[in-house]
Amino acid sequence: MSYAFIPRLLPSPAAAAYLGVSESMLRKLGIPRKEQGAKRLYDRSDLDAHADELPYEGQPNDGEDKEQAAVSKCDDAFGVKK
């Protein structure tokens, strides 16, 4: 079925296409789904929020910075030299 507009609730294939990722990557992202009867659907506003949180190219990724800081702290605690 095609629409003249994007529905608010999307099944996995459409949600993955909306974000430009594969369905398996979509599942790994951990974006919550809504239940409508037996269907599990992605809310377009949740997909948009995920996309809005992604860093722009060339900008630091806070998650990676925090992970690197934790690794460095652990390395320092155990005397690991870089």
PDB file of N, CA and C in Angstrom:
ATOM      1  N   MET A   1       0.850  -1.176   0.000  1.00  0.00           N
ATOM      2  CA  MET A   1       0.000   0.000   0.000  1.00  0.00           C
ATOM      3  C   MET A   1       0.891   1.233   0.000  1.00  0.00           C
ATOM      4  N   SER A   2       0.581   2.180  -0.850  1.00  0.00           N
ATOM      5  CA  SER A   2       1.367   3.411  -0.849  1.00  0.00           C
ATOM      6  C   SER A   2       0.489   4.568  -0.387  1.00  0.00           C
ATOM      7  N   TYR A   3       1.151   5.526   0.223  1.00  0.00           N
ATOM      8  CA  TYR A   3       0.458   6.673   0.780  1.00  0.00           C
ATOM      9  C   TYR A   3       1.027   7.948   0.166  1.00  0.00           C
ATOM     10  N   ALA A   4       0.232   9.010   0.207  1.00  0.00           N
ATOM     11  CA  ALA A   4       0.710  10.320  -0.218  1.00  0.00           C
ATOM     12  C   ALA A   4       1.465  10.996   0.926  1.00  0.00           C
ATOM     13  N   PHE A   5       1.517  10.332   2.075  1.00  0.00           N
ATOM     14  CA  PHE A   5       2.205  10.843   3.252  1.00  0.00           C
ATOM     15  C   PHE A   5       2.880   9.664   3.946  1.00  0.00           C
ATOM     16  N   ILE A   6       3.820   9.956   4.831  1.00  0.00           N
ATOM     17  CA  ILE A   6       4.474   8.899   5.596  1.00  0.00           C
ATOM     18  C   ILE A   6       3.629   8.635   6.833  1.00  0.00           C
ATOM     19  N   PRO A   7       3.161   7.388   7.026  1.00  0.00           N
ATOM     20  CA  PRO A   7       2.380   7.084   8.224  1.00  0.00           C
ATOM     21  C   PRO A   7       3.217   7.320   9.481  1.00  0.00           C
ATOM     22  N   ARG A   8       2.572   7.623  10.588  1.00  0.00           N
ATOM     23  CA  ARG A   8       3.301   7.866  11.833  1.00  0.00           C
ATOM     24  C   ARG A   8       3.914   6.591  12.379  1.00  0.00           C
ATOM     25  N   LEU A   9       3.187   5.475  12.321  1.00  0.00           N
ATOM     26  CA  LEU A   9       3.688   4.199  12.820  1.00  0.00           C
ATOM     27  C   LEU A   9       4.130   3.343  11.641  1.00  0.00           C
ATOM     28  N   LEU A  10       5.372   2.860  11.710  1.00  0.00           N
ATOM     29  CA  LEU A  10       5.965   2.155  10.582  1.00  0.00           C
ATOM     30  C   LEU A  10       6.389   0.739  10.966  1.00  0.00           C
ATOM     31  N   PRO A  11       6.142  -0.237  10.087  1.00  0.00           N
ATOM     32  CA  PRO A  11       6.680  -1.579  10.321  1.00  0.00           C
ATOM     33  C   PRO A  11       8.198  -1.560  10.104  1.00  0.00           C
ATOM     34  N   SER A  12       8.870  -2.604  10.546  1.00  0.00           N
ATOM     35  CA  SER A  12      10.338  -2.652  10.480  1.00  0.00           C
ATOM     36  C   SER A  12      10.928  -2.327   9.110  1.00  0.00           C
ATOM     37  N   PRO A  13      10.437  -2.929   8.008  1.00  0.00           N
ATOM     38  CA  PRO A  13      11.053  -2.617   6.715  1.00  0.00           C
ATOM     39  C   PRO A  13      10.973  -1.124   6.360  1.00  0.00           C
ATOM     40  N   ALA A  14       9.835  -0.512   6.628  1.00  0.00           N
ATOM     41  CA  ALA A  14       9.661   0.911   6.314  1.00  0.00           C
ATOM     42  C   ALA A  14      10.488   1.782   7.255  1.00  0.00           C
ATOM     43  N   ALA A  15      10.559   1.403   8.539  1.00  0.00           N
ATOM     44  CA  ALA A  15      11.350   2.170   9.504  1.00  0.00           C
ATOM     45  C   ALA A  15      12.829   2.121   9.144  1.00  0.00           C
ATOM     46  N   ALA A  16      13.307   0.946   8.744  1.00  0.00           N
ATOM     47  CA  ALA A  16      14.706   0.810   8.340  1.00  0.00           C
ATOM     48  C   ALA A  16      14.988   1.663   7.108  1.00  0.00           C
ATOM     49  N   ALA A  17      14.096   1.615   6.141  1.00  0.00           N
ATOM     50  CA  ALA A  17      14.266   2.426   4.929  1.00  0.00           C
ATOM     51  C   ALA A  17      14.235   3.912   5.270  1.00  0.00           C
ATOM     52  N   TYR A  18      13.374   4.311   6.192  1.00  0.00           N
ATOM     53  CA  TYR A  18      13.254   5.709   6.606  1.00  0.00           C
ATOM     54  C   TYR A  18      14.582   6.224   7.164  1.00  0.00           C
ATOM     55  N   LEU A  19      15.280   5.366   7.952  1.00  0.00           N
ATOM     56  CA  LEU A  19      16.568   5.760   8.527  1.00  0.00           C
ATOM     57  C   LEU A  19      17.747   5.466   7.605  1.00  0.00           C
ATOM     58  N   GLY A  20      17.495   4.696   6.555  1.00  0.00           N
ATOM     59  CA  GLY A  20      18.576   4.357   5.633  1.00  0.00           C
ATOM     60  C   GLY A  20      19.502   3.277   6.156  1.00  0.00           C
ATOM     61  N   VAL A  21      18.959   2.358   6.967  1.00  0.00           N
ATOM     62  CA  VAL A  21      19.751   1.253   7.515  1.00  0.00           C
ATOM     63  C   VAL A  21      19.052  -0.065   7.210  1.00  0.00           C
ATOM     64  N   SER A  22      19.746  -1.166   7.446  1.00  0.00           N
ATOM     65  CA  SER A  22      19.132  -2.481   7.263  1.00  0.00           C
ATOM     66  C   SER A  22      18.216  -2.782   8.448  1.00  0.00           C
ATOM     67  N   GLU A  23      17.343  -3.767   8.285  1.00  0.00           N
ATOM     68  CA  GLU A  23      16.460  -4.150   9.389  1.00  0.00           C
ATOM     69  C   GLU A  23      17.257  -4.688  10.571  1.00  0.00           C
ATOM     70  N   SER A  24      18.331  -5.423  10.298  1.00  0.00           N
ATOM     71  CA  SER A  24      19.135  -5.952  11.407  1.00  0.00           C
ATOM     72  C   SER A  24      19.806  -4.805  12.171  1.00  0.00           C
ATOM     73  N   MET A  25      20.267  -3.779  11.471  1.00  0.00           N
ATOM     74  CA  MET A  25      20.855  -2.619  12.144  1.00  0.00           C
ATOM     75  C   MET A  25      19.788  -1.875  12.940  1.00  0.00           C
ATOM     76  N   LEU A  26      18.600  -1.767  12.390  1.00  0.00           N
ATOM     77  CA  LEU A  26      17.497  -1.109  13.092  1.00  0.00           C
ATOM     78  C   LEU A  26      17.243  -1.789  14.433  1.00  0.00           C
ATOM     79  N   ARG A  27      17.223  -3.119  14.451  1.00  0.00           N
ATOM     80  CA  ARG A  27      17.005  -3.853  15.702  1.00  0.00           C
ATOM     81  C   ARG A  27      18.130  -3.583  16.697  1.00  0.00           C
ATOM     82  N   LYS A  28      19.364  -3.485  16.213  1.00  0.00           N
ATOM     83  CA  LYS A  28      20.514  -3.243  17.090  1.00  0.00           C
ATOM     84  C   LYS A  28      20.491  -1.847  17.705  1.00  0.00           C
ATOM     85  N   LEU A  29      19.830  -0.905  17.067  1.00  0.00           N
ATOM     86  CA  LEU A  29      19.792   0.470  17.569  1.00  0.00           C
ATOM     87  C   LEU A  29      18.993   0.596  18.862  1.00  0.00           C
ATOM     88  N   GLY A  30      18.109  -0.358  19.122  1.00  0.00           N
ATOM     89  CA  GLY A  30      17.348  -0.342  20.371  1.00  0.00           C
ATOM     90  C   GLY A  30      16.249   0.703  20.434  1.00  0.00           C
ATOM     91  N   ILE A  31      15.798   1.164  19.311  1.00  0.00           N
ATOM     92  CA  ILE A  31      14.709   2.140  19.282  1.00  0.00           C
ATOM     93  C   ILE A  31      13.432   1.416  19.705  1.00  0.00           C
ATOM     94  N   PRO A  32      12.684   1.964  20.663  1.00  0.00           N
ATOM     95  CA  PRO A  32      11.490   1.264  21.148  1.00  0.00           C
ATOM     96  C   PRO A  32      10.404   1.162  20.084  1.00  0.00           C
ATOM     97  N   ARG A  33       9.611   0.097  20.209  1.00  0.00           N
ATOM     98  CA  ARG A  33       8.481  -0.101  19.299  1.00  0.00           C
ATOM     99  C   ARG A  33       7.186   0.023  20.087  1.00  0.00           C
ATOM    100  N   LYS A  34       6.128   0.351  19.396  1.00  0.00           N
ATOM    101  CA  LYS A  34       4.794   0.426  19.991  1.00  0.00           C
ATOM    102  C   LYS A  34       4.001  -0.797  19.569  1.00  0.00           C
ATOM    103  N   GLU A  35       3.080  -1.202  20.420  1.00  0.00           N
ATOM    104  CA  GLU A  35       2.223  -2.344  20.119  1.00  0.00           C
ATOM    105  C   GLU A  35       0.877  -1.859  19.622  1.00  0.00           C
ATOM    106  N   GLN A  36       0.441  -2.437  18.522  1.00  0.00           N
ATOM    107  CA  GLN A  36      -0.899  -2.169  18.001  1.00  0.00           C
ATOM    108  C   GLN A  36      -1.471  -3.529  17.628  1.00  0.00           C
ATOM    109  N   GLY A  37      -2.229  -4.098  18.551  1.00  0.00           N
ATOM    110  CA  GLY A  37      -2.699  -5.462  18.357  1.00  0.00           C
ATOM    111  C   GLY A  37      -1.502  -6.393  18.357  1.00  0.00           C
ATOM    112  N   ALA A  38      -1.382  -7.234  17.332  1.00  0.00           N
ATOM    113  CA  ALA A  38      -0.252  -8.154  17.216  1.00  0.00           C
ATOM    114  C   ALA A  38       0.945  -7.503  16.531  1.00  0.00           C
ATOM    115  N   LYS A  39       0.791  -6.296  16.049  1.00  0.00           N
ATOM    116  CA  LYS A  39       1.870  -5.619  15.319  1.00  0.00           C
ATOM    117  C   LYS A  39       2.796  -4.872  16.270  1.00  0.00           C
ATOM    118  N   ARG A  40       4.069  -4.827  15.919  1.00  0.00           N
ATOM    119  CA  ARG A  40       5.067  -4.021  16.611  1.00  0.00           C
ATOM    120  C   ARG A  40       5.545  -2.982  15.603  1.00  0.00           C
ATOM    121  N   LEU A  41       5.308  -1.722  15.920  1.00  0.00           N
ATOM    122  CA  LEU A  41       5.562  -0.644  14.966  1.00  0.00           C
ATOM    123  C   LEU A  41       6.474   0.414  15.570  1.00  0.00           C
ATOM    124  N   TYR A  42       7.261   1.039  14.715  1.00  0.00           N
ATOM    125  CA  TYR A  42       8.131   2.134  15.132  1.00  0.00           C
ATOM    126  C   TYR A  42       7.401   3.454  14.942  1.00  0.00           C
ATOM    127  N   ASP A  43       7.485   4.311  15.952  1.00  0.00           N
ATOM    128  CA  ASP A  43       6.905   5.649  15.879  1.00  0.00           C
ATOM    129  C   ASP A  43       7.904   6.545  15.145  1.00  0.00           C
ATOM    130  N   ARG A  44       7.437   7.221  14.124  1.00  0.00           N
ATOM    131  CA  ARG A  44       8.313   8.075  13.326  1.00  0.00           C
ATOM    132  C   ARG A  44       8.998   9.136  14.184  1.00  0.00           C
ATOM    133  N   SER A  45       8.333   9.611  15.235  1.00  0.00           N
ATOM    134  CA  SER A  45       8.957  10.620  16.101  1.00  0.00           C
ATOM    135  C   SER A  45      10.150  10.021  16.857  1.00  0.00           C
ATOM    136  N   ASP A  46      10.092   8.727  17.222  1.00  0.00           N
ATOM    137  CA  ASP A  46      11.238   8.069  17.857  1.00  0.00           C
ATOM    138  C   ASP A  46      12.386   7.904  16.860  1.00  0.00           C
ATOM    139  N   LEU A  47      12.049   7.597  15.611  1.00  0.00           N
ATOM    140  CA  LEU A  47      13.073   7.478  14.571  1.00  0.00           C
ATOM    141  C   LEU A  47      13.741   8.830  14.327  1.00  0.00           C
ATOM    142  N   ASP A  48      12.926   9.888  14.286  1.00  0.00           N
ATOM    143  CA  ASP A  48      13.469  11.236  14.101  1.00  0.00           C
ATOM    144  C   ASP A  48      14.368  11.628  15.274  1.00  0.00           C
ATOM    145  N   ALA A  49      13.944  11.288  16.499  1.00  0.00           N
ATOM    146  CA  ALA A  49      14.741  11.618  17.683  1.00  0.00           C
ATOM    147  C   ALA A  49      16.091  10.910  17.630  1.00  0.00           C
ATOM    148  N   HIS A  50      16.086   9.652  17.193  1.00  0.00           N
ATOM    149  CA  HIS A  50      17.356   8.925  17.059  1.00  0.00           C
ATOM    150  C   HIS A  50      18.261   9.630  16.049  1.00  0.00           C
ATOM    151  N   ALA A  51      17.712   9.987  14.907  1.00  0.00           N
ATOM    152  CA  ALA A  51      18.505  10.656  13.870  1.00  0.00           C
ATOM    153  C   ALA A  51      19.025  12.006  14.370  1.00  0.00           C
ATOM    154  N   ASP A  52      18.205  12.724  15.136  1.00  0.00           N
ATOM    155  CA  ASP A  52      18.619  14.026  15.663  1.00  0.00           C
ATOM    156  C   ASP A  52      19.795  13.904  16.630  1.00  0.00           C
ATOM    157  N   GLU A  53      19.904  12.768  17.336  1.00  0.00           N
ATOM    158  CA  GLU A  53      20.970  12.569  18.321  1.00  0.00           C
ATOM    159  C   GLU A  53      22.303  12.175  17.687  1.00  0.00           C
ATOM    160  N   LEU A  54      22.305  11.793  16.424  1.00  0.00           N
ATOM    161  CA  LEU A  54      23.546  11.400  15.762  1.00  0.00           C
ATOM    162  C   LEU A  54      24.439  12.617  15.557  1.00  0.00           C
ATOM    163  N   PRO A  55      25.763  12.444  15.760  1.00  0.00           N
ATOM    164  CA  PRO A  55      26.660  13.585  15.546  1.00  0.00           C
ATOM    165  C   PRO A  55      26.837  13.857  14.057  1.00  0.00           C
ATOM    166  N   TYR A  56      27.102  15.099  13.737  1.00  0.00           N
ATOM    167  CA  TYR A  56      27.441  15.457  12.363  1.00  0.00           C
ATOM    168  C   TYR A  56      28.872  15.011  12.083  1.00  0.00           C
ATOM    169  N   GLU A  57      29.173  14.790  10.823  1.00  0.00           N
ATOM    170  CA  GLU A  57      30.518  14.399  10.426  1.00  0.00           C
ATOM    171  C   GLU A  57      31.515  15.437  10.924  1.00  0.00           C
ATOM    172  N   GLY A  58      32.598  14.958  11.523  1.00  0.00           N
ATOM    173  CA  GLY A  58      33.630  15.855  12.024  1.00  0.00           C
ATOM    174  C   GLY A  58      33.411  16.322  13.445  1.00  0.00           C
ATOM    175  N   GLN A  59      32.241  16.055  14.015  1.00  0.00           N
ATOM    176  CA  GLN A  59      31.982  16.420  15.402  1.00  0.00           C
ATOM    177  C   GLN A  59      32.267  15.218  16.289  1.00  0.00           C
ATOM    178  N   PRO A  60      32.770  15.463  17.500  1.00  0.00           N
ATOM    179  CA  PRO A  60      33.037  14.338  18.394  1.00  0.00           C
ATOM    180  C   PRO A  60      31.740  13.642  18.795  1.00  0.00           C
ATOM    181  N   ASN A  61      31.842  12.346  18.968  1.00  0.00           N
ATOM    182  CA  ASN A  61      30.708  11.538  19.418  1.00  0.00           C
ATOM    183  C   ASN A  61      30.848  11.382  20.924  1.00  0.00           C
ATOM    184  N   ASP A  62      29.942  11.961  21.695  1.00  0.00           N
ATOM    185  CA  ASP A  62      30.030  11.927  23.155  1.00  0.00           C
ATOM    186  C   ASP A  62      30.157  10.509  23.688  1.00  0.00           C
ATOM    187  N   GLY A  63      29.436   9.566  23.109  1.00  0.00           N
ATOM    188  CA  GLY A  63      29.499   8.181  23.571  1.00  0.00           C
ATOM    189  C   GLY A  63      30.891   7.606  23.416  1.00  0.00           C
ATOM    190  N   GLU A  64      31.533   7.869  22.287  1.00  0.00           N
ATOM    191  CA  GLU A  64      32.889   7.370  22.064  1.00  0.00           C
ATOM    192  C   GLU A  64      33.868   8.069  22.996  1.00  0.00           C
ATOM    193  N   ASP A  65      33.682   9.362  23.241  1.00  0.00           N
ATOM    194  CA  ASP A  65      34.561  10.092  24.143  1.00  0.00           C
ATOM    195  C   ASP A  65      34.465   9.527  25.553  1.00  0.00           C
ATOM    196  N   LYS A  66      33.264   9.223  26.021  1.00  0.00           N
ATOM    197  CA  LYS A  66      33.072   8.657  27.354  1.00  0.00           C
ATOM    198  C   LYS A  66      33.698   7.273  27.438  1.00  0.00           C
ATOM    199  N   GLU A  67      33.536   6.483  26.384  1.00  0.00           N
ATOM    200  CA  GLU A  67      34.119   5.144  26.366  1.00  0.00           C
ATOM    201  C   GLU A  67      35.640   5.236  26.407  1.00  0.00           C
ATOM    202  N   GLN A  68      36.212   6.125  25.616  1.00  0.00           N
ATOM    203  CA  GLN A  68      37.666   6.281  25.595  1.00  0.00           C
ATOM    204  C   GLN A  68      38.172   6.768  26.943  1.00  0.00           C
ATOM    205  N   ALA A  69      37.434   7.659  27.597  1.00  0.00           N
ATOM    206  CA  ALA A  69      37.830   8.146  28.915  1.00  0.00           C
ATOM    207  C   ALA A  69      37.835   7.005  29.926  1.00  0.00           C
ATOM    208  N   ALA A  70      36.845   6.124  29.846  1.00  0.00           N
ATOM    209  CA  ALA A  70      36.781   4.980  30.756  1.00  0.00           C
ATOM    210  C   ALA A  70      37.940   4.024  30.504  1.00  0.00           C
ATOM    211  N   VAL A  71      38.262   3.790  29.237  1.00  0.00           N
ATOM    212  CA  VAL A  71      39.387   2.912  28.892  1.00  0.00           C
ATOM    213  C   VAL A  71      40.691   3.520  29.400  1.00  0.00           C
ATOM    214  N   SER A  72      40.877   4.813  29.196  1.00  0.00           N
ATOM    215  CA  SER A  72      42.094   5.484  29.655  1.00  0.00           C
ATOM    216  C   SER A  72      42.224   5.407  31.169  1.00  0.00           C
ATOM    217  N   LYS A  73      41.128   5.593  31.880  1.00  0.00           N
ATOM    218  CA  LYS A  73      41.141   5.520  33.341  1.00  0.00           C
ATOM    219  C   LYS A  73      41.542   4.118  33.789  1.00  0.00           C
ATOM    220  N   CYS A  74      41.000   3.111  33.130  1.00  0.00           N
ATOM    221  CA  CYS A  74      41.326   1.724  33.448  1.00  0.00           C
ATOM    222  C   CYS A  74      42.797   1.443  33.128  1.00  0.00           C
ATOM    223  N   ASP A  75      43.255   1.905  31.966  1.00  0.00           N
ATOM    224  CA  ASP A  75      44.659   1.722  31.587  1.00  0.00           C
ATOM    225  C   ASP A  75      45.580   2.365  32.618  1.00  0.00           C
ATOM    226  N   ASP A  76      45.241   3.577  33.051  1.00  0.00           N
ATOM    227  CA  ASP A  76      46.048   4.275  34.048  1.00  0.00           C
ATOM    228  C   ASP A  76      46.080   3.499  35.361  1.00  0.00           C
ATOM    229  N   ALA A  77      44.945   2.952  35.767  1.00  0.00           N
ATOM    230  CA  ALA A  77      44.857   2.214  37.024  1.00  0.00           C
ATOM    231  C   ALA A  77      45.744   0.973  37.007  1.00  0.00           C
ATOM    232  N   PHE A  78      45.881   0.356  35.844  1.00  0.00           N
ATOM    233  CA  PHE A  78      46.676  -0.864  35.738  1.00  0.00           C
ATOM    234  C   PHE A  78      48.068  -0.610  35.159  1.00  0.00           C
ATOM    235  N   GLY A  79      48.416   0.642  34.964  1.00  0.00           N
ATOM    236  CA  GLY A  79      49.747   0.985  34.488  1.00  0.00           C
ATOM    237  C   GLY A  79      50.017   0.631  33.040  1.00  0.00           C
ATOM    238  N   VAL A  80      48.968   0.560  32.225  1.00  0.00           N
ATOM    239  CA  VAL A  80      49.137   0.237  30.809  1.00  0.00           C
ATOM    240  C   VAL A  80      49.677   1.463  30.084  1.00  0.00           C
ATOM    241  N   LYS A  81      50.765   1.264  29.356  1.00  0.00           N
ATOM    242  CA  LYS A  81      51.374   2.353  28.591  1.00  0.00           C
ATOM    243  C   LYS A  81      50.835   2.348  27.174  1.00  0.00           C
ATOM    244  N   LYS A  82      50.668   3.509  26.612  1.00  0.00           N
ATOM    245  CA  LYS A  82      50.163   3.616  25.239  1.00  0.00           C
ATOM    246  C   LYS A  82      51.290   3.807  24.270  1.00  0.00           C
TER     247      LYS A  82
END
